Amino acid sequence: MGVVGIVEEFALKNQDPIEEVDERVEADVGQFWIEEAQRRYDAYLKGELRALEGDDVMKRARSRVAAKYL
């Protein structure tokens, strides 16, 4: 069996643990953003953050992407 065969066999045998890690990471990231959104909303309600117009946010984001990648 060549190197490719060994790698393929390893990948097939270890697919379930890798998928479990992926699922946990996705769940952790999802939970992080839920908590972050709640934190920001609470800060907004307390007057610690101000709301921005969606169009302004998108212009700023596009400008940053263009400056970095174009």
N, C-alpha and C. Protein backbone atom coordinates (compact mmCIF):
# COMPACT_ATOMS: atom_id res chain seq x y z
N MET A 1 0.86 -1.18 0.00
CA MET A 1 0.00 0.00 0.00
C MET A 1 0.90 1.24 0.00
N GLY A 2 0.60 2.17 -0.86
CA GLY A 2 1.38 3.39 -0.94
C GLY A 2 0.97 4.42 0.10
N VAL A 3 1.66 5.53 0.10
CA VAL A 3 1.40 6.59 1.06
C VAL A 3 -0.04 7.09 0.93
N VAL A 4 -0.51 7.24 -0.30
CA VAL A 4 -1.88 7.73 -0.51
C VAL A 4 -2.88 6.76 0.10
N GLY A 5 -2.66 5.48 -0.09
CA GLY A 5 -3.55 4.47 0.48
C GLY A 5 -3.56 4.51 2.00
N ILE A 6 -2.39 4.69 2.59
CA ILE A 6 -2.28 4.76 4.05
C ILE A 6 -3.03 5.98 4.57
N VAL A 7 -2.85 7.11 3.91
CA VAL A 7 -3.53 8.34 4.32
C VAL A 7 -5.04 8.19 4.18
N GLU A 8 -5.49 7.60 3.07
CA GLU A 8 -6.92 7.40 2.87
C GLU A 8 -7.50 6.48 3.94
N GLU A 9 -6.78 5.40 4.25
CA GLU A 9 -7.25 4.47 5.28
C GLU A 9 -7.33 5.16 6.64
N PHE A 10 -6.32 5.94 6.97
CA PHE A 10 -6.31 6.68 8.22
C PHE A 10 -7.50 7.64 8.29
N ALA A 11 -7.72 8.36 7.19
CA ALA A 11 -8.81 9.33 7.15
C ALA A 11 -10.16 8.64 7.34
N LEU A 12 -10.35 7.51 6.71
CA LEU A 12 -11.62 6.79 6.84
C LEU A 12 -11.83 6.28 8.26
N LYS A 13 -10.77 5.76 8.89
CA LYS A 13 -10.87 5.25 10.25
C LYS A 13 -11.10 6.36 11.26
N ASN A 14 -10.62 7.55 10.98
CA ASN A 14 -10.69 8.65 11.94
C ASN A 14 -11.70 9.72 11.58
N GLN A 15 -12.58 9.43 10.66
CA GLN A 15 -13.56 10.41 10.20
C GLN A 15 -14.53 10.81 11.31
N ASP A 16 -15.02 9.84 12.06
CA ASP A 16 -16.00 10.15 13.11
C ASP A 16 -15.43 11.07 14.18
N PRO A 17 -14.22 10.79 14.73
CA PRO A 17 -13.68 11.74 15.73
C PRO A 17 -13.48 13.14 15.16
N ILE A 18 -13.06 13.23 13.92
CA ILE A 18 -12.85 14.55 13.30
C ILE A 18 -14.19 15.27 13.18
N GLU A 19 -15.23 14.56 12.76
CA GLU A 19 -16.55 15.18 12.64
C GLU A 19 -17.07 15.62 14.01
N GLU A 20 -16.78 14.83 15.05
CA GLU A 20 -17.21 15.21 16.40
C GLU A 20 -16.53 16.50 16.84
N VAL A 21 -15.25 16.64 16.55
CA VAL A 21 -14.52 17.87 16.90
C VAL A 21 -15.10 19.04 16.13
N ASP A 22 -15.36 18.85 14.83
CA ASP A 22 -15.95 19.91 14.02
C ASP A 22 -17.28 20.37 14.60
N GLU A 23 -18.11 19.40 15.00
CA GLU A 23 -19.42 19.75 15.55
C GLU A 23 -19.28 20.53 16.85
N ARG A 24 -18.32 20.12 17.70
CA ARG A 24 -18.12 20.83 18.97
C ARG A 24 -17.60 22.24 18.72
N VAL A 25 -16.69 22.38 17.77
CA VAL A 25 -16.15 23.71 17.47
C VAL A 25 -17.26 24.60 16.94
N GLU A 26 -18.07 24.08 16.04
CA GLU A 26 -19.18 24.87 15.49
C GLU A 26 -20.15 25.27 16.59
N ALA A 27 -20.44 24.36 17.51
CA ALA A 27 -21.35 24.67 18.62
C ALA A 27 -20.73 25.75 19.51
N ASP A 28 -19.42 25.64 19.79
CA ASP A 28 -18.75 26.62 20.63
C ASP A 28 -18.75 28.00 19.97
N VAL A 29 -18.49 28.03 18.67
CA VAL A 29 -18.48 29.30 17.95
C VAL A 29 -19.89 29.90 17.93
N GLY A 30 -20.86 29.05 17.70
CA GLY A 30 -22.24 29.53 17.71
C GLY A 30 -22.63 30.10 19.06
N GLN A 31 -22.26 29.42 20.13
CA GLN A 31 -22.56 29.90 21.47
C GLN A 31 -21.83 31.20 21.76
N PHE A 32 -20.58 31.29 21.31
CA PHE A 32 -19.82 32.52 21.50
C PHE A 32 -20.56 33.71 20.87
N TRP A 33 -21.04 33.55 19.63
CA TRP A 33 -21.70 34.67 18.95
C TRP A 33 -23.05 35.00 19.57
N ILE A 34 -23.73 33.99 20.10
CA ILE A 34 -24.98 34.27 20.82
C ILE A 34 -24.68 35.15 22.03
N GLU A 35 -23.65 34.76 22.80
CA GLU A 35 -23.29 35.54 23.98
C GLU A 35 -22.78 36.93 23.62
N GLU A 36 -22.01 37.02 22.55
CA GLU A 36 -21.49 38.32 22.11
C GLU A 36 -22.62 39.23 21.66
N ALA A 37 -23.58 38.69 20.92
CA ALA A 37 -24.72 39.49 20.48
C ALA A 37 -25.53 39.99 21.68
N GLN A 38 -25.72 39.13 22.67
CA GLN A 38 -26.46 39.54 23.86
C GLN A 38 -25.71 40.63 24.61
N ARG A 39 -24.38 40.47 24.73
CA ARG A 39 -23.56 41.48 25.41
C ARG A 39 -23.67 42.83 24.71
N ARG A 40 -23.59 42.81 23.38
CA ARG A 40 -23.67 44.06 22.63
C ARG A 40 -25.06 44.69 22.73
N TYR A 41 -26.10 43.87 22.69
CA TYR A 41 -27.46 44.38 22.82
C TYR A 41 -27.67 45.01 24.19
N ASP A 42 -27.19 44.33 25.23
CA ASP A 42 -27.30 44.87 26.59
C ASP A 42 -26.56 46.21 26.69
N ALA A 43 -25.37 46.28 26.10
CA ALA A 43 -24.61 47.54 26.13
C ALA A 43 -25.35 48.64 25.38
N TYR A 44 -26.01 48.28 24.28
CA TYR A 44 -26.80 49.25 23.52
C TYR A 44 -27.94 49.78 24.37
N LEU A 45 -28.65 48.87 25.05
CA LEU A 45 -29.78 49.28 25.88
C LEU A 45 -29.34 50.19 27.03
N LYS A 46 -28.13 49.99 27.53
CA LYS A 46 -27.59 50.82 28.62
C LYS A 46 -27.01 52.14 28.12
N GLY A 47 -26.96 52.31 26.80
CA GLY A 47 -26.40 53.52 26.23
C GLY A 47 -24.88 53.48 26.09
N GLU A 48 -24.30 52.31 26.25
CA GLU A 48 -22.84 52.17 26.15
C GLU A 48 -22.38 52.00 24.71
N LEU A 49 -23.28 51.60 23.84
CA LEU A 49 -23.00 51.47 22.41
C LEU A 49 -24.08 52.21 21.65
N ARG A 50 -23.72 52.72 20.51
CA ARG A 50 -24.73 53.39 19.69
C ARG A 50 -25.00 52.55 18.45
N ALA A 51 -26.18 52.66 17.93
CA ALA A 51 -26.56 51.95 16.71
C ALA A 51 -25.98 52.68 15.51
N LEU A 52 -25.62 51.92 14.50
CA LEU A 52 -25.11 52.49 13.25
C LEU A 52 -26.06 52.12 12.12
N GLU A 53 -26.14 52.98 11.14
CA GLU A 53 -26.96 52.70 9.96
C GLU A 53 -26.36 51.52 9.19
N GLY A 54 -27.21 50.62 8.75
CA GLY A 54 -26.75 49.44 8.02
C GLY A 54 -25.94 49.79 6.78
N ASP A 55 -26.38 50.80 6.03
CA ASP A 55 -25.66 51.20 4.82
C ASP A 55 -24.25 51.68 5.16
N ASP A 56 -24.13 52.43 6.26
CA ASP A 56 -22.81 52.91 6.67
C ASP A 56 -21.89 51.75 7.07
N VAL A 57 -22.45 50.79 7.77
CA VAL A 57 -21.67 49.62 8.19
C VAL A 57 -21.17 48.86 6.97
N MET A 58 -22.05 48.65 5.98
CA MET A 58 -21.66 47.91 4.79
C MET A 58 -20.61 48.67 3.97
N LYS A 59 -20.74 49.99 3.86
CA LYS A 59 -19.73 50.79 3.16
C LYS A 59 -18.37 50.64 3.83
N ARG A 60 -18.37 50.72 5.15
CA ARG A 60 -17.11 50.59 5.90
C ARG A 60 -16.51 49.20 5.72
N ALA A 61 -17.35 48.17 5.77
CA ALA A 61 -16.86 46.80 5.59
C ALA A 61 -16.29 46.60 4.19
N ARG A 62 -17.00 47.09 3.17
CA ARG A 62 -16.50 46.96 1.80
C ARG A 62 -15.18 47.69 1.62
N SER A 63 -15.06 48.85 2.22
CA SER A 63 -13.83 49.62 2.13
C SER A 63 -12.66 48.87 2.76
N ARG A 64 -12.90 48.27 3.91
CA ARG A 64 -11.85 47.50 4.59
C ARG A 64 -11.42 46.29 3.76
N VAL A 65 -12.40 45.59 3.19
CA VAL A 65 -12.08 44.43 2.37
C VAL A 65 -11.29 44.85 1.14
N ALA A 66 -11.73 45.92 0.49
CA ALA A 66 -11.05 46.40 -0.70
C ALA A 66 -9.61 46.82 -0.38
N ALA A 67 -9.42 47.49 0.74
CA ALA A 67 -8.08 47.93 1.11
C ALA A 67 -7.16 46.74 1.40
N LYS A 68 -7.72 45.69 1.91
CA LYS A 68 -6.90 44.55 2.30
C LYS A 68 -6.63 43.60 1.13
N TYR A 69 -7.61 43.39 0.24
CA TYR A 69 -7.50 42.36 -0.77
C TYR A 69 -7.40 42.86 -2.20
N LEU A 70 -7.69 44.13 -2.43
CA LEU A 70 -7.66 44.60 -3.82
C LEU A 70 -6.49 45.49 -4.09
